[in-house]
PDB file of N, CA and C in Angstrom:
ATOM      1  N   MET A   1      15.397   0.894   6.839  1.00  0.00           N
ATOM      2  CA  MET A   1      14.607   0.781   5.628  1.00  0.00           C
ATOM      3  C   MET A   1      14.955  -0.533   4.930  1.00  0.00           C
ATOM      4  N   SER A   2      13.930  -1.199   4.416  1.00  0.00           N
ATOM      5  CA  SER A   2      14.176  -2.409   3.644  1.00  0.00           C
ATOM      6  C   SER A   2      13.271  -2.442   2.419  1.00  0.00           C
ATOM      7  N   ASP A   3      13.696  -3.203   1.422  1.00  0.00           N
ATOM      8  CA  ASP A   3      12.951  -3.302   0.175  1.00  0.00           C
ATOM      9  C   ASP A   3      11.762  -4.242   0.325  1.00  0.00           C
ATOM     10  N   LEU A   4      10.786  -4.049  -0.547  1.00  0.00           N
ATOM     11  CA  LEU A   4       9.640  -4.943  -0.621  1.00  0.00           C
ATOM     12  C   LEU A   4       9.877  -5.982  -1.703  1.00  0.00           C
ATOM     13  N   ILE A   5       9.424  -7.198  -1.464  1.00  0.00           N
ATOM     14  CA  ILE A   5       9.498  -8.246  -2.478  1.00  0.00           C
ATOM     15  C   ILE A   5       8.202  -8.184  -3.273  1.00  0.00           C
ATOM     16  N   LEU A   6       8.284  -7.634  -4.482  1.00  0.00           N
ATOM     17  CA  LEU A   6       7.120  -7.451  -5.346  1.00  0.00           C
ATOM     18  C   LEU A   6       7.460  -7.902  -6.762  1.00  0.00           C
ATOM     19  N   PRO A   7       6.468  -8.396  -7.506  1.00  0.00           N
ATOM     20  CA  PRO A   7       6.726  -8.758  -8.903  1.00  0.00           C
ATOM     21  C   PRO A   7       6.716  -7.547  -9.836  1.00  0.00           C
ATOM     22  N   HIS A   8       6.387  -6.372  -9.324  1.00  0.00           N
ATOM     23  CA  HIS A   8       6.267  -5.160 -10.134  1.00  0.00           C
ATOM     24  C   HIS A   8       7.643  -4.597 -10.501  1.00  0.00           C
ATOM     25  N   ILE A   9       7.699  -3.927 -11.653  1.00  0.00           N
ATOM     26  CA  ILE A   9       8.909  -3.229 -12.062  1.00  0.00           C
ATOM     27  C   ILE A   9       8.509  -1.802 -12.469  1.00  0.00           C
ATOM     28  N   ALA A  10       9.494  -0.943 -12.595  1.00  0.00           N
ATOM     29  CA  ALA A  10       9.224   0.427 -13.029  1.00  0.00           C
ATOM     30  C   ALA A  10       8.555   0.394 -14.393  1.00  0.00           C
ATOM     31  N   PRO A  11       7.643   1.245 -14.667  1.00  0.00           N
ATOM     32  CA  PRO A  11       7.192   2.388 -13.874  1.00  0.00           C
ATOM     33  C   PRO A  11       6.006   2.084 -12.958  1.00  0.00           C
ATOM     34  N   ILE A  12       5.662   0.807 -12.758  1.00  0.00           N
ATOM     35  CA  ILE A  12       4.486   0.451 -11.975  1.00  0.00           C
ATOM     36  C   ILE A  12       4.821   0.125 -10.518  1.00  0.00           C
ATOM     37  N   LYS A  13       6.072  -0.029 -10.158  1.00  0.00           N
ATOM     38  CA  LYS A  13       6.444  -0.295  -8.767  1.00  0.00           C
ATOM     39  C   LYS A  13       6.521   1.039  -8.023  1.00  0.00           C
ATOM     40  N   PHE A  14       5.465   1.325  -7.258  1.00  0.00           N
ATOM     41  CA  PHE A  14       5.377   2.595  -6.535  1.00  0.00           C
ATOM     42  C   PHE A  14       5.875   2.474  -5.096  1.00  0.00           C
ATOM     43  N   ALA A  15       5.726   1.309  -4.490  1.00  0.00           N
ATOM     44  CA  ALA A  15       6.174   1.095  -3.110  1.00  0.00           C
ATOM     45  C   ALA A  15       7.686   0.895  -3.138  1.00  0.00           C
ATOM     46  N   LYS A  16       8.406   1.784  -2.475  1.00  0.00           N
ATOM     47  CA  LYS A  16       9.864   1.801  -2.595  1.00  0.00           C
ATOM     48  C   LYS A  16      10.596   1.159  -1.427  1.00  0.00           C
ATOM     49  N   ALA A  17      10.172   1.407  -0.188  1.00  0.00           N
ATOM     50  CA  ALA A  17      10.908   0.891   0.964  1.00  0.00           C
ATOM     51  C   ALA A  17      10.009   0.815   2.189  1.00  0.00           C
ATOM     52  N   ILE A  18      10.212  -0.230   2.976  1.00  0.00           N
ATOM     53  CA  ILE A  18       9.496  -0.395   4.244  1.00  0.00           C
ATOM     54  C   ILE A  18      10.197   0.466   5.293  1.00  0.00           C
ATOM     55  N   LEU A  19       9.446   1.354   5.916  1.00  0.00           N
ATOM     56  CA  LEU A  19      10.000   2.203   6.973  1.00  0.00           C
ATOM     57  C   LEU A  19       9.751   1.601   8.351  1.00  0.00           C
ATOM     58  N   GLN A  20       8.634   0.895   8.490  1.00  0.00           N
ATOM     59  CA  GLN A  20       8.253   0.294   9.771  1.00  0.00           C
ATOM     60  C   GLN A  20       7.279  -0.843   9.468  1.00  0.00           C
ATOM     61  N   THR A  21       7.378  -1.940  10.217  1.00  0.00           N
ATOM     62  CA  THR A  21       6.475  -3.059   9.961  1.00  0.00           C
ATOM     63  C   THR A  21       6.280  -3.921  11.209  1.00  0.00           C
ATOM     64  N   ASP A  22       5.145  -4.577  11.278  1.00  0.00           N
ATOM     65  CA  ASP A  22       4.884  -5.626  12.246  1.00  0.00           C
ATOM     66  C   ASP A  22       3.827  -6.541  11.636  1.00  0.00           C
ATOM     67  N   GLU A  23       3.270  -7.444  12.422  1.00  0.00           N
ATOM     68  CA  GLU A  23       2.335  -8.430  11.858  1.00  0.00           C
ATOM     69  C   GLU A  23       0.988  -7.850  11.466  1.00  0.00           C
ATOM     70  N   ASN A  24       0.683  -6.613  11.877  1.00  0.00           N
ATOM     71  CA  ASN A  24      -0.623  -6.015  11.575  1.00  0.00           C
ATOM     72  C   ASN A  24      -0.562  -4.678  10.849  1.00  0.00           C
ATOM     73  N   SER A  25       0.625  -4.159  10.582  1.00  0.00           N
ATOM     74  CA  SER A  25       0.701  -2.856   9.923  1.00  0.00           C
ATOM     75  C   SER A  25       2.058  -2.665   9.244  1.00  0.00           C
ATOM     76  N   ALA A  26       2.080  -1.693   8.354  1.00  0.00           N
ATOM     77  CA  ALA A  26       3.329  -1.323   7.679  1.00  0.00           C
ATOM     78  C   ALA A  26       3.276   0.156   7.339  1.00  0.00           C
ATOM     79  N   VAL A  27       4.421   0.787   7.384  1.00  0.00           N
ATOM     80  CA  VAL A  27       4.593   2.159   6.922  1.00  0.00           C
ATOM     81  C   VAL A  27       5.628   2.075   5.798  1.00  0.00           C
ATOM     82  N   VAL A  28       5.242   2.563   4.610  1.00  0.00           N
ATOM     83  CA  VAL A  28       6.047   2.360   3.417  1.00  0.00           C
ATOM     84  C   VAL A  28       6.225   3.674   2.667  1.00  0.00           C
ATOM     85  N   LYS A  29       7.441   3.912   2.199  1.00  0.00           N
ATOM     86  CA  LYS A  29       7.712   5.069   1.337  1.00  0.00           C
ATOM     87  C   LYS A  29       7.239   4.713  -0.062  1.00  0.00           C
ATOM     88  N   ILE A  30       6.445   5.613  -0.664  1.00  0.00           N
ATOM     89  CA  ILE A  30       6.000   5.418  -2.039  1.00  0.00           C
ATOM     90  C   ILE A  30       6.423   6.625  -2.867  1.00  0.00           C
ATOM     91  N   ALA A  31       6.701   6.396  -4.147  1.00  0.00           N
ATOM     92  CA  ALA A  31       7.175   7.490  -5.000  1.00  0.00           C
ATOM     93  C   ALA A  31       6.749   7.242  -6.439  1.00  0.00           C
ATOM     94  N   TYR A  32       6.659   8.346  -7.169  1.00  0.00           N
ATOM     95  CA  TYR A  32       6.179   8.336  -8.544  1.00  0.00           C
ATOM     96  C   TYR A  32       7.088   9.181  -9.425  1.00  0.00           C
ATOM     97  N   ASP A  33       7.028   8.929 -10.737  1.00  0.00           N
ATOM     98  CA  ASP A  33       7.768   9.735 -11.710  1.00  0.00           C
ATOM     99  C   ASP A  33       6.969  10.958 -12.152  1.00  0.00           C
ATOM    100  N   GLU A  34       5.668  10.963 -11.844  1.00  0.00           N
ATOM    101  CA  GLU A  34       4.771  12.068 -12.186  1.00  0.00           C
ATOM    102  C   GLU A  34       3.746  12.197 -11.061  1.00  0.00           C
ATOM    103  N   PHE A  35       2.942  13.256 -11.084  1.00  0.00           N
ATOM    104  CA  PHE A  35       1.910  13.377 -10.061  1.00  0.00           C
ATOM    105  C   PHE A  35       0.964  12.186 -10.166  1.00  0.00           C
ATOM    106  N   PRO A  36       0.727  11.481  -9.063  1.00  0.00           N
ATOM    107  CA  PRO A  36      -0.107  10.283  -9.125  1.00  0.00           C
ATOM    108  C   PRO A  36      -1.602  10.590  -9.215  1.00  0.00           C
ATOM    109  N   THR A  37      -2.330   9.647  -9.785  1.00  0.00           N
ATOM    110  CA  THR A  37      -3.789   9.682  -9.779  1.00  0.00           C
ATOM    111  C   THR A  37      -4.265   8.916  -8.552  1.00  0.00           C
ATOM    112  N   ILE A  38      -5.566   8.978  -8.267  1.00  0.00           N
ATOM    113  CA  ILE A  38      -6.100   8.199  -7.148  1.00  0.00           C
ATOM    114  C   ILE A  38      -5.873   6.708  -7.396  1.00  0.00           C
ATOM    115  N   GLY A  39      -5.966   6.269  -8.641  1.00  0.00           N
ATOM    116  CA  GLY A  39      -5.700   4.867  -8.963  1.00  0.00           C
ATOM    117  C   GLY A  39      -4.272   4.454  -8.643  1.00  0.00           C
ATOM    118  N   MET A  40      -3.329   5.351  -8.901  1.00  0.00           N
ATOM    119  CA  MET A  40      -1.925   5.071  -8.600  1.00  0.00           C
ATOM    120  C   MET A  40      -1.701   5.023  -7.087  1.00  0.00           C
ATOM    121  N   LEU A  41      -2.397   5.869  -6.329  1.00  0.00           N
ATOM    122  CA  LEU A  41      -2.295   5.838  -4.864  1.00  0.00           C
ATOM    123  C   LEU A  41      -2.850   4.525  -4.320  1.00  0.00           C
ATOM    124  N   ILE A  42      -3.972   4.063  -4.875  1.00  0.00           N
ATOM    125  CA  ILE A  42      -4.562   2.789  -4.447  1.00  0.00           C
ATOM    126  C   ILE A  42      -3.609   1.639  -4.764  1.00  0.00           C
ATOM    127  N   GLU A  43      -3.039   1.634  -5.954  1.00  0.00           N
ATOM    128  CA  GLU A  43      -2.087   0.582  -6.322  1.00  0.00           C
ATOM    129  C   GLU A  43      -0.889   0.586  -5.383  1.00  0.00           C
ATOM    130  N   ALA A  44      -0.391   1.763  -5.021  1.00  0.00           N
ATOM    131  CA  ALA A  44       0.732   1.855  -4.083  1.00  0.00           C
ATOM    132  C   ALA A  44       0.342   1.298  -2.717  1.00  0.00           C
ATOM    133  N   ALA A  45      -0.881   1.562  -2.280  1.00  0.00           N
ATOM    134  CA  ALA A  45      -1.353   1.009  -1.003  1.00  0.00           C
ATOM    135  C   ALA A  45      -1.389  -0.512  -1.071  1.00  0.00           C
ATOM    136  N   ALA A  46      -1.903  -1.054  -2.165  1.00  0.00           N
ATOM    137  CA  ALA A  46      -1.952  -2.514  -2.323  1.00  0.00           C
ATOM    138  C   ALA A  46      -0.537  -3.096  -2.329  1.00  0.00           C
ATOM    139  N   GLN A  47       0.377  -2.461  -3.054  1.00  0.00           N
ATOM    140  CA  GLN A  47       1.766  -2.922  -3.056  1.00  0.00           C
ATOM    141  C   GLN A  47       2.363  -2.842  -1.655  1.00  0.00           C
ATOM    142  N   SER A  48       2.037  -1.796  -0.922  1.00  0.00           N
ATOM    143  CA  SER A  48       2.586  -1.591   0.419  1.00  0.00           C
ATOM    144  C   SER A  48       2.129  -2.654   1.402  1.00  0.00           C
ATOM    145  N   SER A  49       0.998  -3.289   1.128  1.00  0.00           N
ATOM    146  CA  SER A  49       0.517  -4.339   2.026  1.00  0.00           C
ATOM    147  C   SER A  49       1.495  -5.504   2.095  1.00  0.00           C
ATOM    148  N   ALA A  50       2.360  -5.649   1.098  1.00  0.00           N
ATOM    149  CA  ALA A  50       3.396  -6.679   1.127  1.00  0.00           C
ATOM    150  C   ALA A  50       4.413  -6.408   2.233  1.00  0.00           C
ATOM    151  N   GLY A  51       4.411  -5.201   2.762  1.00  0.00           N
ATOM    152  CA  GLY A  51       5.328  -4.856   3.843  1.00  0.00           C
ATOM    153  C   GLY A  51       4.915  -5.350   5.207  1.00  0.00           C
ATOM    154  N   ILE A  52       3.672  -5.815   5.355  1.00  0.00           N
ATOM    155  CA  ILE A  52       3.224  -6.343   6.647  1.00  0.00           C
ATOM    156  C   ILE A  52       3.925  -7.670   6.892  1.00  0.00           C
ATOM    157  N   SER A  53       4.574  -7.793   8.051  1.00  0.00           N
ATOM    158  CA  SER A  53       5.320  -9.010   8.381  1.00  0.00           C
ATOM    159  C   SER A  53       4.382 -10.203   8.409  1.00  0.00           C
ATOM    160  N   ASP A  54       4.611 -11.134   7.507  1.00  0.00           N
ATOM    161  CA  ASP A  54       3.764 -12.319   7.383  1.00  0.00           C
ATOM    162  C   ASP A  54       4.615 -13.408   6.749  1.00  0.00           C
ATOM    163  N   LYS A  55       5.410 -14.075   7.562  1.00  0.00           N
ATOM    164  CA  LYS A  55       6.414 -15.012   7.061  1.00  0.00           C
ATOM    165  C   LYS A  55       5.838 -16.106   6.168  1.00  0.00           C
ATOM    166  N   GLN A  56       4.620 -16.555   6.422  1.00  0.00           N
ATOM    167  CA  GLN A  56       4.055 -17.642   5.623  1.00  0.00           C
ATOM    168  C   GLN A  56       3.655 -17.193   4.215  1.00  0.00           C
ATOM    169  N   ASN A  57       3.539 -15.893   3.991  1.00  0.00           N
ATOM    170  CA  ASN A  57       3.093 -15.409   2.683  1.00  0.00           C
ATOM    171  C   ASN A  57       4.150 -14.641   1.907  1.00  0.00           C
ATOM    172  N   ILE A  58       5.404 -14.684   2.340  1.00  0.00           N
ATOM    173  CA  ILE A  58       6.472 -13.970   1.635  1.00  0.00           C
ATOM    174  C   ILE A  58       6.588 -14.507   0.206  1.00  0.00           C
ATOM    175  N   GLY A  59       6.599 -13.590  -0.741  1.00  0.00           N
ATOM    176  CA  GLY A  59       6.773 -13.948  -2.139  1.00  0.00           C
ATOM    177  C   GLY A  59       5.507 -14.383  -2.866  1.00  0.00           C
ATOM    178  N   ARG A  60       4.386 -14.491  -2.147  1.00  0.00           N
ATOM    179  CA  ARG A  60       3.130 -14.864  -2.820  1.00  0.00           C
ATOM    180  C   ARG A  60       2.544 -13.647  -3.503  1.00  0.00           C
ATOM    181  N   MET A  61       2.012 -13.848  -4.693  1.00  0.00           N
ATOM    182  CA  MET A  61       1.419 -12.744  -5.455  1.00  0.00           C
ATOM    183  C   MET A  61       0.018 -12.445  -4.913  1.00  0.00           C
ATOM    184  N   GLY A  62      -0.276 -11.167  -4.752  1.00  0.00           N
ATOM    185  CA  GLY A  62      -1.591 -10.743  -4.282  1.00  0.00           C
ATOM    186  C   GLY A  62      -2.369 -10.049  -5.383  1.00  0.00           C
ATOM    187  N   PHE A  63      -3.679 -10.201  -5.338  1.00  0.00           N
ATOM    188  CA  PHE A  63      -4.555  -9.580  -6.323  1.00  0.00           C
ATOM    189  C   PHE A  63      -5.552  -8.685  -5.606  1.00  0.00           C
ATOM    190  N   LEU A  64      -5.622  -7.437  -6.013  1.00  0.00           N
ATOM    191  CA  LEU A  64      -6.584  -6.483  -5.467  1.00  0.00           C
ATOM    192  C   LEU A  64      -7.974  -6.883  -5.958  1.00  0.00           C
ATOM    193  N   VAL A  65      -8.901  -7.155  -5.015  1.00  0.00           N
ATOM    194  CA  VAL A  65     -10.221  -7.649  -5.423  1.00  0.00           C
ATOM    195  C   VAL A  65     -11.369  -6.716  -5.055  1.00  0.00           C
ATOM    196  N   SER A  66     -11.152  -5.778  -4.137  1.00  0.00           N
ATOM    197  CA  SER A  66     -12.233  -4.830  -3.831  1.00  0.00           C
ATOM    198  C   SER A  66     -11.685  -3.556  -3.211  1.00  0.00           C
ATOM    199  N   LEU A  67     -12.466  -2.494  -3.372  1.00  0.00           N
ATOM    200  CA  LEU A  67     -12.168  -1.182  -2.783  1.00  0.00           C
ATOM    201  C   LEU A  67     -13.404  -0.706  -2.046  1.00  0.00           C
ATOM    202  N   LYS A  68     -13.189   0.061  -0.979  1.00  0.00           N
ATOM    203  CA  LYS A  68     -14.323   0.578  -0.213  1.00  0.00           C
ATOM    204  C   LYS A  68     -13.930   1.922   0.404  1.00  0.00           C
ATOM    205  N   ASP A  69     -14.852   2.859   0.364  1.00  0.00           N
ATOM    206  CA  ASP A  69     -14.695   4.162   1.030  1.00  0.00           C
ATOM    207  C   ASP A  69     -13.397   4.884   0.663  1.00  0.00           C
ATOM    208  N   VAL A  70     -12.976   4.794  -0.588  1.00  0.00           N
ATOM    209  CA  VAL A  70     -11.759   5.467  -1.035  1.00  0.00           C
ATOM    210  C   VAL A  70     -12.060   6.947  -1.233  1.00  0.00           C
ATOM    211  N   LYS A  71     -11.203   7.784  -0.628  1.00  0.00           N
ATOM    212  CA  LYS A  71     -11.406   9.229  -0.720  1.00  0.00           C
ATOM    213  C   LYS A  71     -10.083   9.934  -0.968  1.00  0.00           C
ATOM    214  N   LEU A  72     -10.087  10.845  -1.921  1.00  0.00           N
ATOM    215  CA  LEU A  72      -8.973  11.755  -2.125  1.00  0.00           C
ATOM    216  C   LEU A  72      -9.300  12.991  -1.301  1.00  0.00           C
ATOM    217  N   LEU A  73      -8.476  13.294  -0.303  1.00  0.00           N
ATOM    218  CA  LEU A  73      -8.778  14.347   0.666  1.00  0.00           C
ATOM    219  C   LEU A  73      -8.123  15.684   0.364  1.00  0.00           C
ATOM    220  N   GLU A  74      -7.021  15.653  -0.346  1.00  0.00           N
ATOM    221  CA  GLU A  74      -6.250  16.868  -0.628  1.00  0.00           C
ATOM    222  C   GLU A  74      -5.752  16.832  -2.067  1.00  0.00           C
ATOM    223  N   GLU A  75      -5.422  17.989  -2.578  1.00  0.00           N
ATOM    224  CA  GLU A  75      -4.833  18.083  -3.914  1.00  0.00           C
ATOM    225  C   GLU A  75      -3.464  17.414  -3.919  1.00  0.00           C
ATOM    226  N   ILE A  76      -3.179  16.712  -4.980  1.00  0.00           N
ATOM    227  CA  ILE A  76      -1.894  16.031  -5.126  1.00  0.00           C
ATOM    228  C   ILE A  76      -0.859  17.047  -5.595  1.00  0.00           C
ATOM    229  N   LYS A  77       0.218  17.205  -4.778  1.00  0.00           N
ATOM    230  CA  LYS A  77       1.222  18.225  -5.063  1.00  0.00           C
ATOM    231  C   LYS A  77       2.652  17.708  -5.002  1.00  0.00           C
ATOM    232  N   SER A  78       2.819  16.390  -4.848  1.00  0.00           N
ATOM    233  CA  SER A  78       4.157  15.846  -4.646  1.00  0.00           C
ATOM    234  C   SER A  78       4.335  14.537  -5.406  1.00  0.00           C
ATOM    235  N   TYR A  79       5.587  14.099  -5.474  1.00  0.00           N
ATOM    236  CA  TYR A  79       5.922  12.821  -6.098  1.00  0.00           C
ATOM    237  C   TYR A  79       6.212  11.740  -5.062  1.00  0.00           C
ATOM    238  N   GLU A  80       6.365  12.117  -3.788  1.00  0.00           N
ATOM    239  CA  GLU A  80       6.709  11.160  -2.731  1.00  0.00           C
ATOM    240  C   GLU A  80       5.723  11.255  -1.576  1.00  0.00           C
ATOM    241  N   TYR A  81       5.340  10.081  -1.054  1.00  0.00           N
ATOM    242  CA  TYR A  81       4.365   9.990   0.033  1.00  0.00           C
ATOM    243  C   TYR A  81       4.739   8.860   0.975  1.00  0.00           C
ATOM    244  N   ILE A  82       4.010   8.785   2.062  1.00  0.00           N
ATOM    245  CA  ILE A  82       4.120   7.689   3.015  1.00  0.00           C
ATOM    246  C   ILE A  82       2.763   6.995   3.059  1.00  0.00           C
ATOM    247  N   ALA A  83       2.782   5.672   2.914  1.00  0.00           N
ATOM    248  CA  ALA A  83       1.554   4.879   3.005  1.00  0.00           C
ATOM    249  C   ALA A  83       1.552   4.146   4.336  1.00  0.00           C
ATOM    250  N   LYS A  84       0.455   4.270   5.075  1.00  0.00           N
ATOM    251  CA  LYS A  84       0.263   3.520   6.321  1.00  0.00           C
ATOM    252  C   LYS A  84      -0.827   2.498   6.043  1.00  0.00           C
ATOM    253  N   ILE A  85      -0.491   1.228   6.209  1.00  0.00           N
ATOM    254  CA  ILE A  85      -1.394   0.123   5.903  1.00  0.00           C
ATOM    255  C   ILE A  85      -1.664  -0.643   7.188  1.00  0.00           C
ATOM    256  N   ASP A  86      -2.935  -0.926   7.467  1.00  0.00           N
ATOM    257  CA  ASP A  86      -3.310  -1.697   8.649  1.00  0.00           C
ATOM    258  C   ASP A  86      -4.149  -2.893   8.237  1.00  0.00           C
ATOM    259  N   LEU A  87      -3.799  -4.053   8.776  1.00  0.00           N
ATOM    260  CA  LEU A  87      -4.573  -5.267   8.547  1.00  0.00           C
ATOM    261  C   LEU A  87      -5.846  -5.190   9.379  1.00  0.00           C
ATOM    262  N   VAL A  88      -6.996  -5.339   8.741  1.00  0.00           N
ATOM    263  CA  VAL A  88      -8.291  -5.322   9.427  1.00  0.00           C
ATOM    264  C   VAL A  88      -8.700  -6.749   9.780  1.00  0.00           C
ATOM    265  N   SER A  89      -8.601  -7.653   8.799  1.00  0.00           N
ATOM    266  CA  SER A  89      -8.918  -9.056   9.059  1.00  0.00           C
ATOM    267  C   SER A  89      -8.223  -9.940   8.043  1.00  0.00           C
ATOM    268  N   ARG A  90      -8.111 -11.212   8.409  1.00  0.00           N
ATOM    269  CA  ARG A  90      -7.445 -12.188   7.546  1.00  0.00           C
ATOM    270  C   ARG A  90      -8.190 -13.508   7.672  1.00  0.00           C
ATOM    271  N   LEU A  91      -8.432 -14.147   6.542  1.00  0.00           N
ATOM    272  CA  LEU A  91      -9.043 -15.462   6.513  1.00  0.00           C
ATOM    273  C   LEU A  91      -8.349 -16.260   5.418  1.00  0.00           C
ATOM    274  N   ASP A  92      -7.496 -17.187   5.816  1.00  0.00           N
ATOM    275  CA  ASP A  92      -6.679 -17.959   4.875  1.00  0.00           C
ATOM    276  C   ASP A  92      -5.921 -17.019   3.941  1.00  0.00           C
ATOM    277  N   ASN A  93      -6.237 -17.048   2.641  1.00  0.00           N
ATOM    278  CA  ASN A  93      -5.502 -16.224   1.679  1.00  0.00           C
ATOM    279  C   ASN A  93      -6.217 -14.907   1.343  1.00  0.00           C
ATOM    280  N   PHE A  94      -7.226 -14.541   2.119  1.00  0.00           N
ATOM    281  CA  PHE A  94      -7.982 -13.295   1.925  1.00  0.00           C
ATOM    282  C   PHE A  94      -7.612 -12.321   3.037  1.00  0.00           C
ATOM    283  N   LYS A  95      -7.273 -11.088   2.663  1.00  0.00           N
ATOM    284  CA  LYS A  95      -6.939 -10.052   3.644  1.00  0.00           C
ATOM    285  C   LYS A  95      -7.753  -8.801   3.373  1.00  0.00           C
ATOM    286  N   SER A  96      -8.280  -8.223   4.427  1.00  0.00           N
ATOM    287  CA  SER A  96      -8.956  -6.933   4.372  1.00  0.00           C
ATOM    288  C   SER A  96      -8.040  -5.929   5.059  1.00  0.00           C
ATOM    289  N   LEU A  97      -7.800  -4.789   4.394  1.00  0.00           N
ATOM    290  CA  LEU A  97      -6.855  -3.803   4.905  1.00  0.00           C
ATOM    291  C   LEU A  97      -7.410  -2.397   4.750  1.00  0.00           C
ATOM    292  N   LYS A  98      -6.876  -1.471   5.528  1.00  0.00           N
ATOM    293  CA  LYS A  98      -7.199  -0.063   5.331  1.00  0.00           C
ATOM    294  C   LYS A  98      -5.897   0.684   5.096  1.00  0.00           C
ATOM    295  N   PHE A  99      -6.000   1.816   4.400  1.00  0.00           N
ATOM    296  CA  PHE A  99      -4.800   2.592   4.095  1.00  0.00           C
ATOM    297  C   PHE A  99      -5.033   4.075   4.314  1.00  0.00           C
ATOM    298  N   GLU A 100      -3.934   4.753   4.580  1.00  0.00           N
ATOM    299  CA  GLU A 100      -3.873   6.213   4.643  1.00  0.00           C
ATOM    300  C   GLU A 100      -2.594   6.628   3.937  1.00  0.00           C
ATOM    301  N   ILE A 101      -2.693   7.642   3.081  1.00  0.00           N
ATOM    302  CA  ILE A 101      -1.534   8.153   2.346  1.00  0.00           C
ATOM    303  C   ILE A 101      -1.248   9.559   2.862  1.00  0.00           C
ATOM    304  N   PHE A 102       0.008   9.801   3.222  1.00  0.00           N
ATOM    305  CA  PHE A 102       0.412  11.081   3.799  1.00  0.00           C
ATOM    306  C   PHE A 102       1.493  11.758   2.976  1.00  0.00           C
ATOM    307  N   GLU A 103       1.422  13.094   2.927  1.00  0.00           N
ATOM    308  CA  GLU A 103       2.529  13.932   2.476  1.00  0.00           C
ATOM    309  C   GLU A 103       2.953  14.683   3.723  1.00  0.00           C
ATOM    310  N   GLU A 104       4.064  14.249   4.313  1.00  0.00           N
ATOM    311  CA  GLU A 104       4.488  14.731   5.630  1.00  0.00           C
ATOM    312  C   GLU A 104       3.357  14.479   6.624  1.00  0.00           C
ATOM    313  N   GLU A 105       2.798  15.487   7.249  1.00  0.00           N
ATOM    314  CA  GLU A 105       1.734  15.308   8.249  1.00  0.00           C
ATOM    315  C   GLU A 105       0.332  15.359   7.644  1.00  0.00           C
ATOM    316  N   ARG A 106       0.232  15.721   6.396  1.00  0.00           N
ATOM    317  CA  ARG A 106      -1.057  15.949   5.735  1.00  0.00           C
ATOM    318  C   ARG A 106      -1.576  14.674   5.077  1.00  0.00           C
ATOM    319  N   MET A 107      -2.789  14.199   5.504  1.00  0.00           N
ATOM    320  CA  MET A 107      -3.373  13.014   4.890  1.00  0.00           C
ATOM    321  C   MET A 107      -3.947  13.382   3.529  1.00  0.00           C
ATOM    322  N   ILE A 108      -3.533  12.642   2.502  1.00  0.00           N
ATOM    323  CA  ILE A 108      -3.914  12.907   1.119  1.00  0.00           C
ATOM    324  C   ILE A 108      -5.097  12.033   0.688  1.00  0.00           C
ATOM    325  N   ALA A 109      -5.070  10.762   1.105  1.00  0.00           N
ATOM    326  CA  ALA A 109      -6.105   9.813   0.684  1.00  0.00           C
ATOM    327  C   ALA A 109      -6.257   8.736   1.741  1.00  0.00           C
ATOM    328  N   LYS A 110      -7.415   8.070   1.708  1.00  0.00           N
ATOM    329  CA  LYS A 110      -7.647   6.964   2.626  1.00  0.00           C
ATOM    330  C   LYS A 110      -8.701   6.044   2.028  1.00  0.00           C
ATOM    331  N   GLY A 111      -8.809   4.852   2.585  1.00  0.00           N
ATOM    332  CA  GLY A 111      -9.796   3.907   2.124  1.00  0.00           C
ATOM    333  C   GLY A 111      -9.490   2.505   2.623  1.00  0.00           C
ATOM    334  N   SER A 112     -10.235   1.553   2.097  1.00  0.00           N
ATOM    335  CA  SER A 112     -10.070   0.144   2.437  1.00  0.00           C
ATOM    336  C   SER A 112     -10.000  -0.655   1.152  1.00  0.00           C
ATOM    337  N   PHE A 113      -9.344  -1.798   1.244  1.00  0.00           N
ATOM    338  CA  PHE A 113      -9.268  -2.695   0.106  1.00  0.00           C
ATOM    339  C   PHE A 113      -9.099  -4.122   0.593  1.00  0.00           C
ATOM    340  N   ALA A 114      -9.333  -5.049  -0.314  1.00  0.00           N
ATOM    341  CA  ALA A 114      -9.130  -6.464  -0.008  1.00  0.00           C
ATOM    342  C   ALA A 114      -8.230  -7.070  -1.074  1.00  0.00           C
ATOM    343  N   ILE A 115      -7.399  -8.004  -0.636  1.00  0.00           N
ATOM    344  CA  ILE A 115      -6.549  -8.727  -1.565  1.00  0.00           C
ATOM    345  C   ILE A 115      -6.706 -10.229  -1.325  1.00  0.00           C
ATOM    346  N   ILE A 116      -6.492 -10.983  -2.374  1.00  0.00           N
ATOM    347  CA  ILE A 116      -6.422 -12.440  -2.284  1.00  0.00           C
ATOM    348  C   ILE A 116      -5.026 -12.838  -2.713  1.00  0.00           C
ATOM    349  N   LEU A 117      -4.374 -13.684  -1.910  1.00  0.00           N
ATOM    350  CA  LEU A 117      -3.045 -14.162  -2.235  1.00  0.00           C
ATOM    351  C   LEU A 117      -3.132 -15.421  -3.073  1.00  0.00           C
ATOM    352  N   GLN A 118      -2.268 -15.512  -4.046  1.00  0.00           N
ATOM    353  CA  GLN A 118      -2.231 -16.661  -4.954  1.00  0.00           C
ATOM    354  C   GLN A 118      -1.855 -17.909  -4.196  1.00  0.00           C
TER     355      GLN A 118
END
């Protein structure tokens, strides 16, 4: 497990630790102080995208610029989840990604988003 380099601080830093990573995906532990909303799950997914191994972009600030096909699939019953983030495409400082949020084996939410790096 390793930490993510993010400009966020508590209570807004939801992405806690990288569990697995490579150049196209990341699996990240996310946690909350209260039951999260769908907005908090999306923010955690965006934060988790910093876990994708990308040496040229380490420490660059990212901005969430779009959401697509976001769905809450199950009732929120926990404070801790696993976010799986996959890189769909990249063009210079623009990245398109998809996410899935899990509570153990149960998928809680999924969707796609885009970020622009500063």
